[in-house]
Amino acid sequence: MLRVGGLEGFYGASQALFGMEFAIDAGEVVTLMGRNGMGKTTTVHAIMGLLPARRGTVEFEGRRIDHLPPFRIARLGFGLVPEGRQIFPNLSVRENLVAASANRTARPDPWTLARVFAFFPRLQERQGNRGNQLSGGEQQMLAIGRALMTNPKLLILDEATEGLAPLIRQEIWSCLARLKGEGQAILVIDKNVGNLIGLADRHYIVEKGRVVWSGRSDALAADQGLQHRYLGV
């Protein structure tokens, strides 16, 4: 579904990505893991066209997209839950969801307002509240619901549970597991290694703008030294 090859990205004269390479197949849950500042969010920005790639390729369903503007990339079937959530603070929960709704690929079982409310009952309870009146956990649910309302082929979550209380984190992980069970392809960035190992099919560890390890969950779980070297604080 998504193929990233030899991707290089710069902020001005400073290079941030040094040949990033990874892939996601349809129905897979894949992670980008690594310490802060290693290039994970920058990679997402490059995929979405928010940071122009200097070199390398991004292919989605066999089509190169690294030359496209962000709005056209999003319309191909990407649903982004950005770091910091970035919901519309002055719109109600319902308005945040409806504003993003689309089913451009004519999905037979599309995400609708009713379906998102069934998935996140708390959002239905708070549907009249503005975005800035929600708790951090509710805002994250809203950000995920807003992305689902675009009926994405690939859902991208940048820092999926950052700053959330433990109980809310577990609720988010449970929701992601349900999405995986429905066949949703997901790219996840997060620091909760145990949860990521339990959820994802494959992992890519990023160090200084390049992939230094990739493998399946059982291999990552068995290698404590690898986790300490690249993921430990």
Protein backbone atom coordinates (compact mmCIF):
# COMPACT_ATOMS: atom_id res chain seq x y z
CA MET A 1 0.00 0.00 0.00
CA LEU A 2 2.68 2.52 1.04
CA ARG A 3 6.31 2.34 -0.04
CA VAL A 4 8.88 4.87 1.15
CA GLY A 5 12.30 4.59 -0.46
CA GLY A 6 15.50 6.57 0.06
CA LEU A 7 13.61 9.52 1.50
CA GLU A 8 15.67 12.58 2.39
CA GLY A 9 14.22 15.68 3.99
CA PHE A 10 15.65 19.01 5.08
CA TYR A 11 14.69 21.89 7.33
CA GLY A 12 16.50 24.70 5.55
CA ALA A 13 20.13 23.61 5.33
CA SER A 14 19.75 20.98 8.09
CA GLN A 15 19.14 17.43 6.91
CA ALA A 16 16.61 15.50 9.00
CA LEU A 17 15.98 12.35 6.97
CA PHE A 18 18.82 10.23 5.60
CA GLY A 19 17.32 7.66 3.25
CA MET A 20 14.22 6.56 5.17
CA GLU A 21 12.82 3.28 3.86
CA PHE A 22 9.80 1.29 5.00
CA ALA A 23 6.58 -0.23 3.71
CA ILE A 24 3.03 -0.92 4.83
CA ASP A 25 0.76 -3.49 3.22
CA ALA A 26 -3.03 -3.39 3.16
CA GLY A 27 -4.52 -4.37 6.51
CA GLU A 28 -1.22 -4.13 8.37
CA VAL A 29 -0.44 -2.22 11.53
CA VAL A 30 3.12 -0.90 11.36
CA THR A 31 5.06 1.30 13.80
CA LEU A 32 7.78 3.89 13.60
CA MET A 33 9.65 3.76 16.90
CA GLY A 34 12.55 5.69 18.35
CA ARG A 35 13.53 8.36 20.83
CA ASN A 36 12.44 11.98 20.51
CA GLY A 37 14.00 13.96 17.70
CA MET A 38 14.97 10.98 15.54
CA GLY A 39 12.80 11.86 12.53
CA LYS A 40 9.52 10.02 13.03
CA THR A 41 7.22 13.06 12.79
CA THR A 42 9.40 14.49 10.03
CA THR A 43 8.82 11.27 8.08
CA VAL A 44 5.06 11.67 8.46
CA HIS A 45 5.30 15.28 7.29
CA ALA A 46 7.28 14.17 4.24
CA ILE A 47 4.75 11.45 3.39
CA MET A 48 1.88 13.94 3.64
CA GLY A 49 3.67 16.56 1.54
CA LEU A 50 4.02 18.99 4.44
CA LEU A 51 7.81 18.76 4.12
CA PRO A 52 8.98 18.51 0.50
CA ALA A 53 11.25 15.52 -0.05
CA ARG A 54 14.63 16.50 -1.45
CA ARG A 55 15.33 12.96 -2.69
CA GLY A 56 13.66 9.57 -2.60
CA THR A 57 10.19 8.30 -3.39
CA VAL A 58 6.83 7.87 -1.69
CA GLU A 59 4.45 5.50 -3.46
CA PHE A 60 0.84 4.87 -2.49
CA GLU A 61 -0.96 1.95 -4.13
CA GLY A 62 1.71 1.89 -6.82
CA ARG A 63 1.57 5.60 -7.62
CA ARG A 64 4.28 8.13 -6.81
CA ILE A 65 2.88 10.88 -4.62
CA ASP A 66 6.00 12.72 -3.40
CA HIS A 67 5.42 15.52 -5.91
CA LEU A 68 1.80 16.17 -4.91
CA PRO A 69 0.52 18.95 -2.61
CA PRO A 70 -0.79 17.89 0.81
CA PHE A 71 -4.50 18.28 0.00
CA ARG A 72 -4.21 15.93 -2.97
CA ILE A 73 -2.26 13.39 -0.95
CA ALA A 74 -4.93 13.43 1.77
CA ARG A 75 -7.65 12.84 -0.81
CA LEU A 76 -5.97 9.64 -2.00
CA GLY A 77 -6.96 7.96 1.26
CA PHE A 78 -4.75 9.15 4.12
CA GLY A 79 -6.24 9.91 7.52
CA LEU A 80 -3.81 11.78 9.79
CA VAL A 81 -4.11 12.07 13.56
CA PRO A 82 -1.35 14.64 14.08
CA GLU A 83 0.90 15.09 17.07
CA GLY A 84 -0.87 17.43 19.50
CA ARG A 85 -4.29 16.42 18.06
CA GLN A 86 -4.92 19.83 16.42
CA ILE A 87 -8.69 19.66 16.53
CA PHE A 88 -10.72 22.79 15.77
CA PRO A 89 -11.09 24.38 19.24
CA ASN A 90 -14.05 26.63 18.44
CA LEU A 91 -16.12 23.99 16.65
CA SER A 92 -18.32 21.51 18.45
CA VAL A 93 -17.49 17.81 18.51
CA ARG A 94 -20.18 17.20 15.92
CA GLU A 95 -18.91 20.02 13.70
CA ASN A 96 -15.31 18.74 13.93
CA LEU A 97 -16.48 15.36 12.67
CA VAL A 98 -18.84 16.55 9.95
CA ALA A 99 -16.31 19.05 8.60
CA ALA A 100 -13.94 16.21 7.68
CA SER A 101 -16.49 13.71 6.37
CA ALA A 102 -15.92 12.21 2.93
CA ASN A 103 -16.16 8.84 1.20
CA ARG A 104 -14.19 9.48 -1.97
CA THR A 105 -13.44 5.80 -2.55
CA ALA A 106 -17.13 4.82 -2.31
CA ARG A 107 -16.48 2.53 0.64
CA PRO A 108 -19.49 0.23 1.08
CA ASP A 109 -19.41 0.50 4.89
CA PRO A 110 -18.33 4.11 5.39
CA TRP A 111 -17.57 5.81 8.66
CA THR A 112 -20.52 8.02 9.50
CA LEU A 113 -21.35 10.24 12.43
CA ALA A 114 -23.47 7.46 13.97
CA ARG A 115 -20.68 4.92 13.52
CA VAL A 116 -18.06 7.18 15.13
CA PHE A 117 -20.41 7.87 18.04
CA ALA A 118 -20.93 4.13 18.49
CA PHE A 119 -17.14 3.65 18.41
CA PHE A 120 -16.52 6.50 20.87
CA PRO A 121 -19.67 6.85 23.03
CA ARG A 122 -18.03 9.66 25.00
CA LEU A 123 -18.01 11.81 21.88
CA GLN A 124 -21.75 11.34 21.49
CA GLU A 125 -22.23 12.49 25.06
CA ARG A 126 -20.08 15.58 24.37
CA GLN A 127 -21.19 16.27 20.79
CA GLY A 128 -22.39 19.78 21.59
CA ASN A 129 -19.22 20.80 23.41
CA ARG A 130 -16.50 22.80 21.69
CA GLY A 131 -13.14 21.17 21.08
CA ASN A 132 -11.42 23.29 23.72
CA GLN A 133 -13.91 22.09 26.34
CA LEU A 134 -12.79 18.47 26.06
CA SER A 135 -10.22 16.59 28.13
CA GLY A 136 -7.00 15.47 26.47
CA GLY A 137 -8.34 11.95 26.06
CA GLU A 138 -11.59 13.17 24.55
CA GLN A 139 -9.65 15.39 22.16
CA GLN A 140 -7.60 12.39 21.03
CA MET A 141 -10.78 10.39 20.46
CA LEU A 142 -12.12 13.32 18.44
CA ALA A 143 -8.92 13.53 16.39
CA ILE A 144 -9.16 9.81 15.61
CA GLY A 145 -12.88 10.10 14.84
CA ARG A 146 -12.23 13.06 12.55
CA ALA A 147 -9.63 11.04 10.63
CA LEU A 148 -11.98 8.05 10.38
CA MET A 149 -14.71 10.29 8.95
CA THR A 150 -12.49 10.74 5.87
CA ASN A 151 -12.79 6.94 5.39
CA PRO A 152 -9.03 6.50 5.03
CA LYS A 153 -7.26 3.61 3.40
CA LEU A 154 -4.30 4.32 5.69
CA LEU A 155 -4.70 5.80 9.17
CA ILE A 156 -1.60 7.54 10.57
CA LEU A 157 -1.35 8.31 14.29
CA ASP A 158 1.54 10.49 15.43
CA GLU A 159 2.09 10.07 19.19
CA ALA A 160 -1.11 8.11 19.63
CA THR A 161 -1.29 8.27 23.44
CA GLU A 162 1.14 11.04 24.40
CA GLY A 163 0.16 12.88 27.58
CA LEU A 164 -2.91 10.77 28.30
CA ALA A 165 -3.90 9.18 31.59
CA PRO A 166 -3.27 5.40 31.81
CA LEU A 167 -6.94 4.44 31.61
CA ILE A 168 -7.49 6.61 28.56
CA ARG A 169 -4.37 5.17 26.95
CA GLN A 170 -5.77 1.69 27.32
CA GLU A 171 -9.05 2.80 25.79
CA ILE A 172 -7.19 4.19 22.77
CA TRP A 173 -5.17 0.97 22.39
CA SER A 174 -8.38 -1.06 22.56
CA CYS A 175 -9.93 1.10 19.86
CA LEU A 176 -6.88 0.65 17.62
CA ALA A 177 -7.07 -3.11 18.13
CA ARG A 178 -10.70 -3.02 17.01
CA LEU A 179 -9.73 -1.06 13.90
CA LYS A 180 -7.02 -3.62 13.14
CA GLY A 181 -9.62 -6.36 13.49
CA GLU A 182 -11.69 -4.60 10.85
CA GLY A 183 -8.74 -4.63 8.44
CA GLN A 184 -7.76 -0.97 8.75
CA ALA A 185 -4.16 -0.28 7.71
CA ILE A 186 -2.48 1.82 10.41
CA LEU A 187 0.88 3.52 10.87
CA VAL A 188 1.49 4.28 14.56
CA ILE A 189 4.09 6.41 16.28
CA ASP A 190 4.21 6.07 20.05
CA LYS A 191 6.58 5.39 22.94
CA ASN A 192 4.63 2.64 24.73
CA VAL A 193 6.67 -0.30 23.51
CA GLY A 194 4.62 -3.00 25.22
CA ASN A 195 1.36 -1.81 23.69
CA LEU A 196 2.94 -1.42 20.26
CA ILE A 197 4.36 -4.95 20.38
CA GLY A 198 0.92 -6.28 21.28
CA LEU A 199 -0.82 -4.34 18.52
CA ALA A 200 1.42 -4.11 15.48
CA ASP A 201 2.48 -6.64 12.86
CA ARG A 202 5.86 -5.06 12.09
CA HIS A 203 8.12 -2.35 13.47
CA TYR A 204 10.72 0.07 12.18
CA ILE A 205 13.14 1.66 14.63
CA VAL A 206 14.38 5.10 13.59
CA GLU A 207 17.69 6.60 14.68
CA LYS A 208 18.91 9.97 13.38
CA GLY A 209 16.64 10.03 10.36
CA ARG A 210 17.17 6.48 9.12
CA VAL A 211 15.81 3.00 9.85
CA VAL A 212 18.30 1.01 11.93
CA TRP A 213 16.16 -2.08 12.58
CA SER A 214 12.97 -3.63 11.26
CA GLY A 215 11.17 -6.80 12.19
CA ARG A 216 8.11 -8.45 13.63
CA SER A 217 6.76 -8.14 17.16
CA ASP A 218 8.11 -11.46 18.43
CA ALA A 219 11.67 -10.51 17.41
CA LEU A 220 11.42 -7.09 19.05
CA ALA A 221 9.91 -8.50 22.24
CA ALA A 222 12.72 -11.05 22.54
CA ASP A 223 15.57 -8.55 22.13
CA GLN A 224 15.77 -6.49 25.30
CA GLY A 225 19.20 -5.20 24.34
CA LEU A 226 17.81 -3.73 21.13
CA GLN A 227 15.02 -2.02 23.04
CA HIS A 228 17.45 -0.55 25.53
CA ARG A 229 19.85 0.63 22.82
CA TYR A 230 17.33 2.47 20.69
CA LEU A 231 14.18 2.95 22.76
CA GLY A 232 15.32 3.29 26.37
CA VAL A 233 15.38 6.66 28.12
